[in-house]
C-alpha atoms as a PDB file:
ATOM      1  CA  MET A   1      -2.310 -20.248  -5.980  1.00  0.00           C
ATOM      2  CA  THR A   2       0.453 -17.650  -6.294  1.00  0.00           C
ATOM      3  CA  GLU A   3       0.658 -15.907  -9.647  1.00  0.00           C
ATOM      4  CA  PRO A   4       4.056 -16.093 -11.392  1.00  0.00           C
ATOM      5  CA  VAL A   5       6.361 -13.077 -11.303  1.00  0.00           C
ATOM      6  CA  ARG A   6       6.707 -11.390 -14.689  1.00  0.00           C
ATOM      7  CA  ARG A   7       9.608  -9.309 -15.994  1.00  0.00           C
ATOM      8  CA  ILE A   8       8.350  -7.138 -18.816  1.00  0.00           C
ATOM      9  CA  ASP A   9       9.018  -4.054 -20.907  1.00  0.00           C
ATOM     10  CA  ALA A  10       6.019  -1.860 -20.022  1.00  0.00           C
ATOM     11  CA  ALA A  11       4.829   1.271 -21.792  1.00  0.00           C
ATOM     12  CA  VAL A  12       3.843   4.439 -19.935  1.00  0.00           C
ATOM     13  CA  VAL A  13       0.174   5.225 -20.594  1.00  0.00           C
ATOM     14  CA  ALA A  14      -0.044   8.335 -18.399  1.00  0.00           C
ATOM     15  CA  ASN A  15       2.022  10.115 -15.776  1.00  0.00           C
ATOM     16  CA  GLU A  16       0.023  12.699 -13.865  1.00  0.00           C
ATOM     17  CA  ARG A  17       0.517  14.866 -10.826  1.00  0.00           C
ATOM     18  CA  LEU A  18      -2.210  14.179  -8.254  1.00  0.00           C
ATOM     19  CA  SER A  19      -1.235  16.732  -5.619  1.00  0.00           C
ATOM     20  CA  ARG A  20       1.611  18.934  -4.459  1.00  0.00           C
ATOM     21  CA  GLU A  21       3.697  15.868  -3.608  1.00  0.00           C
ATOM     22  CA  TYR A  22       2.308  12.787  -5.364  1.00  0.00           C
ATOM     23  CA  TYR A  23       2.178  11.406  -8.889  1.00  0.00           C
ATOM     24  CA  ARG A  24       0.327   8.496 -10.492  1.00  0.00           C
ATOM     25  CA  LEU A  25       2.147   6.428 -13.106  1.00  0.00           C
ATOM     26  CA  LEU A  26      -0.105   4.308 -15.322  1.00  0.00           C
ATOM     27  CA  LEU A  27       1.539   1.416 -17.188  1.00  0.00           C
ATOM     28  CA  ASP A  28       0.423  -1.005 -19.874  1.00  0.00           C
ATOM     29  CA  ALA A  29       1.433  -4.272 -18.207  1.00  0.00           C
ATOM     30  CA  PRO A  30      -1.131  -6.991 -18.940  1.00  0.00           C
ATOM     31  CA  GLN A  31       0.973  -9.844 -17.563  1.00  0.00           C
ATOM     32  CA  ILE A  32       1.128  -8.074 -14.187  1.00  0.00           C
ATOM     33  CA  ALA A  33      -2.393  -6.638 -14.149  1.00  0.00           C
ATOM     34  CA  CYS A  34      -4.052 -10.033 -14.568  1.00  0.00           C
ATOM     35  CA  GLY A  35      -2.597 -11.469 -11.350  1.00  0.00           C
ATOM     36  CA  ALA A  36      -2.008  -8.486  -9.058  1.00  0.00           C
ATOM     37  CA  LYS A  37      -3.559  -8.365  -5.589  1.00  0.00           C
ATOM     38  CA  PRO A  38      -3.867  -5.484  -3.094  1.00  0.00           C
ATOM     39  CA  GLY A  39      -0.706  -5.132  -1.045  1.00  0.00           C
ATOM     40  CA  GLN A  40       1.618  -6.457  -3.723  1.00  0.00           C
ATOM     41  CA  PHE A  41       4.216  -4.282  -5.442  1.00  0.00           C
ATOM     42  CA  VAL A  42       6.302  -3.955  -8.590  1.00  0.00           C
ATOM     43  CA  ASN A  43       9.962  -3.171  -9.155  1.00  0.00           C
ATOM     44  CA  LEU A  44      10.464  -0.445 -11.759  1.00  0.00           C
ATOM     45  CA  ARG A  45      13.462   0.907 -13.647  1.00  0.00           C
ATOM     46  CA  VAL A  46      13.498   3.407 -16.502  1.00  0.00           C
ATOM     47  CA  LEU A  47      15.083   1.532 -19.397  1.00  0.00           C
ATOM     48  CA  ASP A  48      16.938   4.469 -20.967  1.00  0.00           C
ATOM     49  CA  ALA A  49      18.274   5.880 -17.668  1.00  0.00           C
ATOM     50  CA  PRO A  50      21.765   4.877 -16.492  1.00  0.00           C
ATOM     51  CA  ASP A  51      20.913   5.595 -12.838  1.00  0.00           C
ATOM     52  CA  PRO A  52      19.663   4.025 -10.668  1.00  0.00           C
ATOM     53  CA  VAL A  53      20.886   0.642 -11.867  1.00  0.00           C
ATOM     54  CA  LEU A  54      18.665  -1.414  -9.558  1.00  0.00           C
ATOM     55  CA  PRO A  55      14.872  -1.333  -9.930  1.00  0.00           C
ATOM     56  CA  ARG A  56      12.942   0.393  -7.137  1.00  0.00           C
ATOM     57  CA  PRO A  57       9.846  -1.028  -5.395  1.00  0.00           C
ATOM     58  CA  PHE A  58       6.458   0.702  -5.714  1.00  0.00           C
ATOM     59  CA  SER A  59       3.173  -0.447  -4.196  1.00  0.00           C
ATOM     60  CA  LEU A  60       0.371  -1.036  -6.654  1.00  0.00           C
ATOM     61  CA  MET A  61      -2.469   1.450  -6.188  1.00  0.00           C
ATOM     62  CA  ALA A  62      -4.672  -0.087  -8.894  1.00  0.00           C
ATOM     63  CA  ALA A  63      -4.732  -2.933 -11.387  1.00  0.00           C
ATOM     64  CA  GLY A  64      -7.200  -3.911 -14.074  1.00  0.00           C
ATOM     65  CA  GLU A  65     -10.935  -3.615 -14.379  1.00  0.00           C
ATOM     66  CA  SER A  66     -11.672  -4.043 -10.673  1.00  0.00           C
ATOM     67  CA  CYS A  67     -10.108  -0.603 -10.167  1.00  0.00           C
ATOM     68  CA  ASN A  68     -11.897   1.058 -13.091  1.00  0.00           C
ATOM     69  CA  LEU A  69      -8.831   0.783 -15.309  1.00  0.00           C
ATOM     70  CA  HIS A  70      -8.317  -0.955 -18.637  1.00  0.00           C
ATOM     71  CA  ARG A  71      -7.821  -4.645 -17.896  1.00  0.00           C
ATOM     72  CA  ASP A  72      -4.164  -4.462 -19.044  1.00  0.00           C
ATOM     73  CA  HIS A  73      -3.171  -1.459 -16.928  1.00  0.00           C
ATOM     74  CA  VAL A  74      -1.587  -1.032 -13.510  1.00  0.00           C
ATOM     75  CA  ALA A  75      -0.936   2.159 -11.554  1.00  0.00           C
ATOM     76  CA  VAL A  76       1.586   3.139  -8.898  1.00  0.00           C
ATOM     77  CA  LEU A  77       1.710   6.156  -6.594  1.00  0.00           C
ATOM     78  CA  TYR A  78       5.045   7.861  -6.018  1.00  0.00           C
ATOM     79  CA  ARG A  79       6.631  10.948  -4.531  1.00  0.00           C
ATOM     80  CA  VAL A  80       9.786  12.565  -5.926  1.00  0.00           C
ATOM     81  CA  ALA A  81      12.458  11.801  -3.334  1.00  0.00           C
ATOM     82  CA  GLY A  82      15.650  11.195  -5.329  1.00  0.00           C
ATOM     83  CA  ARG A  83      17.162  10.652  -8.769  1.00  0.00           C
ATOM     84  CA  GLY A  84      15.088   7.581  -9.547  1.00  0.00           C
ATOM     85  CA  THR A  85      11.703   9.121  -8.800  1.00  0.00           C
ATOM     86  CA  GLN A  86      12.745  12.397 -10.437  1.00  0.00           C
ATOM     87  CA  THR A  87      13.406  10.427 -13.621  1.00  0.00           C
ATOM     88  CA  LEU A  88       9.997   8.759 -13.274  1.00  0.00           C
ATOM     89  CA  SER A  89       8.276  12.132 -12.986  1.00  0.00           C
ATOM     90  CA  GLU A  90       9.754  13.192 -16.337  1.00  0.00           C
ATOM     91  CA  LEU A  91       8.424  10.216 -18.310  1.00  0.00           C
ATOM     92  CA  ALA A  92       5.963  10.923 -21.103  1.00  0.00           C
ATOM     93  CA  PRO A  93       3.383   8.521 -22.564  1.00  0.00           C
ATOM     94  CA  GLY A  94       5.132   5.953 -24.737  1.00  0.00           C
ATOM     95  CA  ALA A  95       8.289   5.794 -22.626  1.00  0.00           C
ATOM     96  CA  ARG A  96       9.401   2.332 -21.557  1.00  0.00           C
ATOM     97  CA  VAL A  97      10.156   0.957 -18.110  1.00  0.00           C
ATOM     98  CA  LEU A  98      11.296  -2.417 -16.866  1.00  0.00           C
ATOM     99  CA  ALA A  99       8.520  -3.771 -14.623  1.00  0.00           C
ATOM    100  CA  VAL A 100       8.917  -6.851 -12.431  1.00  0.00           C
ATOM    101  CA  GLY A 101       5.883  -8.199 -10.605  1.00  0.00           C
ATOM    102  CA  PRO A 102       3.529  -8.776  -9.047  1.00  0.00           C
ATOM    103  CA  LEU A 103       5.811  -9.214  -6.036  1.00  0.00           C
ATOM    104  CA  GLY A 104       5.178 -10.078  -2.402  1.00  0.00           C
ATOM    105  CA  GLN A 105       2.234 -11.244  -0.342  1.00  0.00           C
ATOM    106  CA  GLY A 106      -0.860  -9.049  -0.293  1.00  0.00           C
ATOM    107  CA  PHE A 107      -3.783  -8.467   2.048  1.00  0.00           C
ATOM    108  CA  SER A 108      -6.110 -11.338   2.976  1.00  0.00           C
ATOM    109  CA  PRO A 109      -9.339  -9.833   4.352  1.00  0.00           C
ATOM    110  CA  PRO A 110     -10.970 -12.158   6.919  1.00  0.00           C
ATOM    111  CA  PRO A 111     -14.305 -13.530   5.688  1.00  0.00           C
ATOM    112  CA  ASP A 112     -16.261 -12.640   8.850  1.00  0.00           C
ATOM    113  CA  VAL A 113     -15.438  -8.919   8.935  1.00  0.00           C
ATOM    114  CA  GLU A 114     -18.378  -6.521   8.637  1.00  0.00           C
ATOM    115  CA  PHE A 115     -16.482  -3.236   8.633  1.00  0.00           C
ATOM    116  CA  HIS A 116     -13.054  -2.736   7.060  1.00  0.00           C
ATOM    117  CA  VAL A 117     -10.982   0.253   8.208  1.00  0.00           C
ATOM    118  CA  ALA A 118      -7.785   0.972   6.255  1.00  0.00           C
ATOM    119  CA  VAL A 119      -5.312   3.440   7.755  1.00  0.00           C
ATOM    120  CA  GLY A 120      -2.616   5.037   5.624  1.00  0.00           C
ATOM    121  CA  GLY A 121       0.029   7.723   5.566  1.00  0.00           C
ATOM    122  CA  GLY A 122       2.387   8.953   2.850  1.00  0.00           C
ATOM    123  CA  THR A 123       2.665   6.683  -0.179  1.00  0.00           C
ATOM    124  CA  GLY A 124       1.250   3.998   2.118  1.00  0.00           C
ATOM    125  CA  VAL A 125      -2.176   5.065   0.906  1.00  0.00           C
ATOM    126  CA  ALA A 126      -1.516   3.343  -2.454  1.00  0.00           C
ATOM    127  CA  PRO A 127      -2.173  -0.326  -1.514  1.00  0.00           C
ATOM    128  CA  LEU A 128      -5.180   0.733   0.559  1.00  0.00           C
ATOM    129  CA  LEU A 129      -6.817   2.349  -2.481  1.00  0.00           C
ATOM    130  CA  PHE A 130      -6.351  -0.955  -4.315  1.00  0.00           C
ATOM    131  CA  LEU A 131      -7.755  -2.812  -1.295  1.00  0.00           C
ATOM    132  CA  ALA A 132     -10.898  -0.659  -1.223  1.00  0.00           C
ATOM    133  CA  HIS A 133     -11.653  -1.494  -4.860  1.00  0.00           C
ATOM    134  CA  HIS A 134     -10.928  -5.177  -4.285  1.00  0.00           C
ATOM    135  CA  LEU A 135     -13.335  -5.407  -1.336  1.00  0.00           C
ATOM    136  CA  ALA A 136     -16.118  -3.781  -3.329  1.00  0.00           C
ATOM    137  CA  PHE A 137     -15.506  -5.769  -6.503  1.00  0.00           C
ATOM    138  CA  HIS A 138     -14.923  -9.271  -5.138  1.00  0.00           C
ATOM    139  CA  THR A 139     -17.597  -9.478  -2.444  1.00  0.00           C
ATOM    140  CA  GLY A 140     -20.772 -11.377  -3.212  1.00  0.00           C
ATOM    141  CA  GLY A 141     -24.027  -9.562  -2.483  1.00  0.00           C
ATOM    142  CA  ALA A 142     -23.904  -6.091  -0.998  1.00  0.00           C
ATOM    143  CA  PRO A 143     -20.381  -4.588  -0.787  1.00  0.00           C
ATOM    144  CA  PRO A 144     -18.980  -4.468   2.757  1.00  0.00           C
ATOM    145  CA  ARG A 145     -18.565  -1.236   4.666  1.00  0.00           C
ATOM    146  CA  VAL A 146     -15.124   0.183   3.951  1.00  0.00           C
ATOM    147  CA  ALA A 147     -13.572   3.303   5.443  1.00  0.00           C
ATOM    148  CA  LEU A 148     -10.238   4.880   4.619  1.00  0.00           C
ATOM    149  CA  ALA A 149      -8.500   6.945   7.316  1.00  0.00           C
ATOM    150  CA  LEU A 150      -5.645   8.778   5.604  1.00  0.00           C
ATOM    151  CA  GLY A 151      -3.150  11.111   7.210  1.00  0.00           C
ATOM    152  CA  ALA A 152      -0.800  13.811   5.910  1.00  0.00           C
ATOM    153  CA  ARG A 153       0.866  17.013   7.055  1.00  0.00           C
ATOM    154  CA  THR A 154      -1.524  19.320   5.151  1.00  0.00           C
ATOM    155  CA  ARG A 155      -4.633  19.071   2.969  1.00  0.00           C
ATOM    156  CA  ALA A 156      -2.586  20.088  -0.061  1.00  0.00           C
ATOM    157  CA  THR A 157      -0.700  16.789   0.185  1.00  0.00           C
ATOM    158  CA  PHE A 158      -3.839  14.859  -0.760  1.00  0.00           C
ATOM    159  CA  PRO A 159      -5.406  14.660  -4.226  1.00  0.00           C
ATOM    160  CA  ASP A 160      -8.545  16.719  -4.800  1.00  0.00           C
ATOM    161  CA  ASP A 161     -12.032  15.638  -3.754  1.00  0.00           C
ATOM    162  CA  ALA A 162     -12.893  14.294  -7.210  1.00  0.00           C
ATOM    163  CA  PHE A 163     -10.172  11.661  -6.887  1.00  0.00           C
ATOM    164  CA  PHE A 164     -11.592  10.322  -3.622  1.00  0.00           C
ATOM    165  CA  ALA A 165     -15.182  10.533  -4.835  1.00  0.00           C
ATOM    166  CA  ALA A 166     -14.473   7.712  -7.285  1.00  0.00           C
ATOM    167  CA  LEU A 167     -13.483   5.308  -4.500  1.00  0.00           C
ATOM    168  CA  PRO A 168     -15.954   2.672  -3.226  1.00  0.00           C
ATOM    169  CA  ALA A 169     -15.302   3.653   0.386  1.00  0.00           C
ATOM    170  CA  GLY A 170     -15.879   6.391   2.888  1.00  0.00           C
ATOM    171  CA  VAL A 171     -12.780   8.593   2.883  1.00  0.00           C
ATOM    172  CA  HIS A 172     -11.726  10.453   6.040  1.00  0.00           C
ATOM    173  CA  LEU A 173      -8.673  12.718   6.101  1.00  0.00           C
ATOM    174  CA  SER A 174      -6.473  13.875   8.960  1.00  0.00           C
ATOM    175  CA  THR A 175      -3.836  16.609   9.015  1.00  0.00           C
ATOM    176  CA  ASP A 176      -1.446  17.872  11.663  1.00  0.00           C
ATOM    177  CA  ALA A 177      -3.198  21.216  12.046  1.00  0.00           C
ATOM    178  CA  GLY A 178      -6.744  20.113  11.247  1.00  0.00           C
ATOM    179  CA  ASP A 179      -7.001  21.878   7.880  1.00  0.00           C
ATOM    180  CA  PRO A 180     -10.572  22.582   6.680  1.00  0.00           C
ATOM    181  CA  GLY A 181     -12.443  19.364   6.006  1.00  0.00           C
ATOM    182  CA  THR A 182      -9.967  17.205   7.920  1.00  0.00           C
ATOM    183  CA  PHE A 183      -9.567  15.697  11.372  1.00  0.00           C
ATOM    184  CA  ARG A 184      -6.907  17.343  13.533  1.00  0.00           C
ATOM    185  CA  GLY A 185      -4.391  14.713  14.564  1.00  0.00           C
ATOM    186  CA  ASN A 186      -3.020  11.469  13.196  1.00  0.00           C
ATOM    187  CA  ALA A 187      -4.662   8.798  11.083  1.00  0.00           C
ATOM    188  CA  VAL A 188      -4.768   6.193  13.856  1.00  0.00           C
ATOM    189  CA  ASP A 189      -6.697   8.514  16.188  1.00  0.00           C
ATOM    190  CA  LEU A 190      -9.023   9.251  13.282  1.00  0.00           C
ATOM    191  CA  ALA A 191      -9.566   5.505  12.760  1.00  0.00           C
ATOM    192  CA  ARG A 192     -10.235   5.013  16.473  1.00  0.00           C
ATOM    193  CA  GLY A 193     -13.196   7.352  16.215  1.00  0.00           C
ATOM    194  CA  LEU A 194     -14.565   5.490  13.196  1.00  0.00           C
ATOM    195  CA  LEU A 195     -14.710   2.101  14.923  1.00  0.00           C
ATOM    196  CA  PRO A 196     -18.047   1.119  16.457  1.00  0.00           C
ATOM    197  CA  GLU A 197     -17.811  -0.163  20.029  1.00  0.00           C
ATOM    198  CA  LYS A 198     -19.209  -3.544  19.046  1.00  0.00           C
ATOM    199  CA  SER A 199     -18.548  -4.648  15.500  1.00  0.00           C
ATOM    200  CA  ARG A 200     -16.694  -7.353  13.634  1.00  0.00           C
ATOM    201  CA  ALA A 201     -14.168  -4.898  12.233  1.00  0.00           C
ATOM    202  CA  GLY A 202     -10.844  -5.497  10.528  1.00  0.00           C
ATOM    203  CA  LEU A 203      -7.933  -3.078  10.418  1.00  0.00           C
ATOM    204  CA  TYR A 204      -5.373  -2.623   7.640  1.00  0.00           C
ATOM    205  CA  GLY A 205      -2.400  -0.279   7.597  1.00  0.00           C
ATOM    206  CA  ALA A 206       0.327   1.014   5.313  1.00  0.00           C
ATOM    207  CA  GLY A 207       2.677   3.888   6.029  1.00  0.00           C
ATOM    208  CA  PRO A 208       5.386   5.027   8.453  1.00  0.00           C
ATOM    209  CA  PRO A 209       6.578   2.560  11.138  1.00  0.00           C
ATOM    210  CA  ALA A 210       5.358   4.688  14.069  1.00  0.00           C
ATOM    211  CA  MET A 211       1.874   4.850  12.582  1.00  0.00           C
ATOM    212  CA  LEU A 212       1.751   1.097  12.037  1.00  0.00           C
ATOM    213  CA  ARG A 213       2.904   0.418  15.572  1.00  0.00           C
ATOM    214  CA  ALA A 214       0.150   2.647  16.955  1.00  0.00           C
ATOM    215  CA  LEU A 215      -2.381   0.852  14.744  1.00  0.00           C
ATOM    216  CA  ALA A 216      -1.194  -2.519  16.058  1.00  0.00           C
ATOM    217  CA  ARG A 217      -1.763  -1.259  19.606  1.00  0.00           C
ATOM    218  CA  LEU A 218      -5.277  -0.118  18.702  1.00  0.00           C
ATOM    219  CA  ALA A 219      -6.043  -3.552  17.249  1.00  0.00           C
ATOM    220  CA  GLU A 220      -4.768  -5.234  20.393  1.00  0.00           C
ATOM    221  CA  GLU A 221      -6.855  -2.945  22.612  1.00  0.00           C
ATOM    222  CA  ARG A 222     -10.027  -3.695  20.651  1.00  0.00           C
ATOM    223  CA  GLY A 223      -9.299  -7.366  19.980  1.00  0.00           C
ATOM    224  CA  LEU A 224      -9.410  -6.837  16.214  1.00  0.00           C
ATOM    225  CA  SER A 225      -7.579  -8.453  13.341  1.00  0.00           C
ATOM    226  CA  CYS A 226      -4.958  -6.188  11.805  1.00  0.00           C
ATOM    227  CA  GLN A 227      -2.790  -6.572   8.722  1.00  0.00           C
ATOM    228  CA  VAL A 228       0.002  -4.121   7.955  1.00  0.00           C
ATOM    229  CA  SER A 229       2.143  -3.468   4.905  1.00  0.00           C
ATOM    230  CA  LEU A 230       5.718  -2.889   6.038  1.00  0.00           C
ATOM    231  CA  GLU A 231       8.273  -0.662   4.360  1.00  0.00           C
ATOM    232  CA  ALA A 232      11.926  -1.652   4.030  1.00  0.00           C
ATOM    233  CA  ARG A 233      14.910  -0.897   1.827  1.00  0.00           C
ATOM    234  CA  MET A 234      15.223  -3.511  -0.906  1.00  0.00           C
ATOM    235  CA  ALA A 235      18.031  -4.377  -3.286  1.00  0.00           C
ATOM    236  CA  CYS A 236      16.618  -7.318  -5.248  1.00  0.00           C
ATOM    237  CA  GLY A 237      12.930  -7.573  -4.331  1.00  0.00           C
ATOM    238  CA  LEU A 238      13.095 -11.350  -4.793  1.00  0.00           C
ATOM    239  CA  GLY A 239      14.307 -12.568  -1.396  1.00  0.00           C
ATOM    240  CA  ALA A 240      17.884 -13.301  -2.423  1.00  0.00           C
ATOM    241  CA  CYS A 241      19.827 -10.444  -0.795  1.00  0.00           C
ATOM    242  CA  LYS A 242      17.970 -10.438   2.583  1.00  0.00           C
ATOM    243  CA  SER A 243      18.449  -6.669   2.862  1.00  0.00           C
ATOM    244  CA  CYS A 244      14.778  -6.152   3.721  1.00  0.00           C
ATOM    245  CA  ALA A 245      14.565  -8.679   6.568  1.00  0.00           C
ATOM    246  CA  VAL A 246      12.451  -7.622   9.561  1.00  0.00           C
ATOM    247  CA  ALA A 247      12.049  -9.246  12.968  1.00  0.00           C
ATOM    248  CA  VAL A 248       8.883 -11.107  13.891  1.00  0.00           C
ATOM    249  CA  ARG A 249       7.987 -12.463  17.286  1.00  0.00           C
ATOM    250  CA  PRO A 250       9.293 -15.975  18.032  1.00  0.00           C
ATOM    251  CA  ARG A 251       6.769 -18.692  18.704  1.00  0.00           C
ATOM    252  CA  GLY A 252       6.633 -21.226  21.518  1.00  0.00           C
ATOM    253  CA  ARG A 253       9.853 -21.652  23.468  1.00  0.00           C
ATOM    254  CA  GLN A 254      12.038 -20.004  20.872  1.00  0.00           C
ATOM    255  CA  LYS A 255      13.710 -16.858  22.223  1.00  0.00           C
ATOM    256  CA  ALA A 256      16.067 -15.747  19.448  1.00  0.00           C
ATOM    257  CA  PRO A 257      14.705 -13.192  16.967  1.00  0.00           C
ATOM    258  CA  VAL A 258      13.085 -14.593  13.840  1.00  0.00           C
ATOM    259  CA  TYR A 259      13.449 -12.691  10.584  1.00  0.00           C
ATOM    260  CA  ARG A 260      11.251 -12.559   7.498  1.00  0.00           C
ATOM    261  CA  THR A 261      11.902 -10.838   4.167  1.00  0.00           C
ATOM    262  CA  VAL A 262       9.511  -8.008   3.385  1.00  0.00           C
ATOM    263  CA  CYS A 263       9.795  -8.559  -0.358  1.00  0.00           C
ATOM    264  CA  THR A 264       8.713 -12.216  -0.464  1.00  0.00           C
ATOM    265  CA  GLN A 265       7.188 -13.096   2.923  1.00  0.00           C
ATOM    266  CA  GLY A 266       5.578  -9.656   3.154  1.00  0.00           C
ATOM    267  CA  PRO A 267       5.113  -6.799   2.646  1.00  0.00           C
ATOM    268  CA  VAL A 268       1.817  -7.609   4.377  1.00  0.00           C
ATOM    269  CA  PHE A 269       2.106  -9.165   7.835  1.00  0.00           C
ATOM    270  CA  ASP A 270      -0.210  -9.873  10.738  1.00  0.00           C
ATOM    271  CA  ALA A 271       0.397  -6.859  13.006  1.00  0.00           C
ATOM    272  CA  ALA A 272       0.447  -9.100  16.086  1.00  0.00           C
ATOM    273  CA  ALA A 273       3.399 -11.045  14.664  1.00  0.00           C
ATOM    274  CA  VAL A 274       5.710  -8.061  14.072  1.00  0.00           C
ATOM    275  CA  ASP A 275       8.460  -7.325  16.604  1.00  0.00           C
ATOM    276  CA  TRP A 276       7.675  -3.611  16.823  1.00  0.00           C
ATOM    277  CA  ASP A 277      10.574  -2.856  19.194  1.00  0.00           C
ATOM    278  CA  ARG A 278      12.984  -3.839  16.420  1.00  0.00           C
ATOM    279  CA  TYR A 279      10.998  -2.580  13.430  1.00  0.00           C
ATOM    280  CA  ALA A 280       9.817   0.801  14.691  1.00  0.00           C
ATOM    281  CA  GLU A 281      12.781   1.724  16.880  1.00  0.00           C
END
């Protein structure tokens, strides 16, 4: 059953810098925290700021007790890239934001998977952090094996080791130059080396289009399930404006492109269904 979308006035609990590029915004949003799932997102707008007028989408990186937060709290990861995120970075505890969510369709881990490998780049790491907690918290018996393969330009882009140590997953980092303690190359090549030759593994991805396309190819080569969280520009986040529509592969005899909205029918899609020639061109 899909949880209802809430539109609330949320209070900032904390706003901290995690690394050279990334911040974590923690919000008191009980109506969203209680129903949020990994892969979903929220639309946020600072209430006292005249610009931007439209809320902006942010993937949830944590929600509630399953992520070691207060049950009423949610967290998002963001990077300062424009006026909207610059305004976010200046918020102090007690400030108010408009929060709409939880939005979109999240990850649905297959029940027969023994080893989950989540591959992320940029702010795409956020929903994968949430996913790692979800897999550990909601699995009966022993938690499944979970590995995170995360890529960035340099080690300084990532949070410090203490941040990753709190995650219920093995964390593996890649950087362009192979900085100390990291794999030299991209996150997909890193993930390739983590996969056993024979294992019921599942792949998950969130990040730049080129990375997701490469991950989809890896899944096809290995015959593995793969779910990806797509990025797209959004105006409404509710499926009305269609500005975030992406092409998926037609089924059967249909030849014309088929389009799905990232905000309501995604952001998580089966990687095999995405028309990568149109999405990652």
